[in-house]
Protein backbone atom coordinates (compact mmCIF):
# COMPACT_ATOMS: atom_id res chain seq x y z
CA MET A 1 -11.56 7.37 -4.73
CA LYS A 2 -13.83 4.37 -5.19
CA TYR A 3 -10.73 2.06 -6.08
CA ILE A 4 -9.14 3.10 -2.51
CA ILE A 5 -12.29 2.33 -0.72
CA ASP A 6 -12.78 -1.09 -2.48
CA ALA A 7 -9.17 -1.99 -1.93
CA ALA A 8 -9.53 -1.19 1.94
CA ASN A 9 -12.84 -3.10 2.13
CA ASN A 10 -11.10 -6.15 0.33
CA LEU A 11 -8.20 -5.96 2.69
CA THR A 12 -10.37 -5.88 5.82
CA ASN A 13 -12.75 -8.75 4.33
CA LYS A 14 -9.58 -11.06 3.40
CA TYR A 15 -8.01 -10.65 6.91
CA THR A 16 -11.11 -10.04 8.94
CA THR A 17 -9.90 -6.87 10.75
CA ARG A 18 -9.82 -2.94 10.56
CA ASP A 19 -6.85 -2.71 12.71
CA PRO A 20 -4.04 -1.05 10.88
CA PHE A 21 -1.38 -2.60 12.96
CA GLU A 22 -2.80 -6.16 12.40
CA LEU A 23 -3.21 -5.45 8.64
CA ALA A 24 0.35 -4.31 8.43
CA LYS A 25 1.32 -7.56 10.03
CA CYS A 26 -0.72 -9.60 7.75
CA LEU A 27 0.62 -7.85 4.79
CA GLY A 28 4.27 -8.46 5.94
CA ILE A 29 4.92 -4.60 6.43
CA GLN A 30 7.35 -3.79 9.06
CA LEU A 31 6.57 -1.00 11.55
CA VAL A 32 9.30 0.59 13.30
CA PHE A 33 8.76 2.82 16.31
CA PHE A 34 11.24 5.49 17.52
CA PRO A 35 10.83 8.09 20.33
CA PHE A 36 11.23 11.17 18.43
CA LYS A 37 12.12 14.23 20.55
CA LYS A 38 11.68 17.19 18.16
CA ILE A 39 10.51 15.67 15.20
CA ARG A 40 6.62 15.20 15.09
CA GLY A 41 6.80 12.25 12.70
CA LEU A 42 8.56 10.56 9.86
CA ILE A 43 7.39 8.31 7.09
CA TYR A 44 9.69 5.99 5.05
CA THR A 45 8.64 3.88 2.51
CA HIS A 46 10.47 1.18 0.61
CA VAL A 47 8.77 -0.28 -2.57
CA SER A 48 10.26 -3.46 -3.89
CA LEU A 49 11.38 -3.89 -7.42
CA ASP A 50 8.56 -6.33 -7.96
CA LEU A 51 6.04 -3.77 -7.11
CA LYS A 52 7.53 -1.09 -9.31
CA GLN A 53 7.50 -3.45 -12.25
CA ASN A 54 3.75 -4.42 -11.70
CA ALA A 55 3.03 -0.70 -11.48
CA ALA A 56 4.79 0.03 -14.73
CA GLY A 57 3.02 -2.82 -16.35
CA LYS A 58 -0.39 -1.48 -15.30
CA ILE A 59 0.62 2.11 -16.73
CA ASN A 60 1.55 0.52 -19.98
CA GLU A 61 -1.82 -1.44 -20.21
CA PHE A 62 -3.83 1.72 -19.53
CA LEU A 63 -1.74 3.61 -22.06
CA LYS A 64 -2.47 0.94 -24.56
CA LYS A 65 -6.14 0.92 -24.02
CA LYS A 66 -6.16 4.89 -24.39
CA SER A 67 -4.58 4.93 -27.70
CA ILE A 68 -7.19 2.46 -29.16
């Protein structure tokens, strides 16, 4: 949980805002608004291949450290 708080604080310090819409803009995250009639909401996430490879690398580093 502390990691999430630290990451959020780092982002707000770097971009000097806590506005989620401004942070999304600074991070290059595209927000799409759609007037839903019967659906209360929808979240669609797209993770780039580069991010997936980075996550896999972090997991492998962690597993190597645990096996020592």
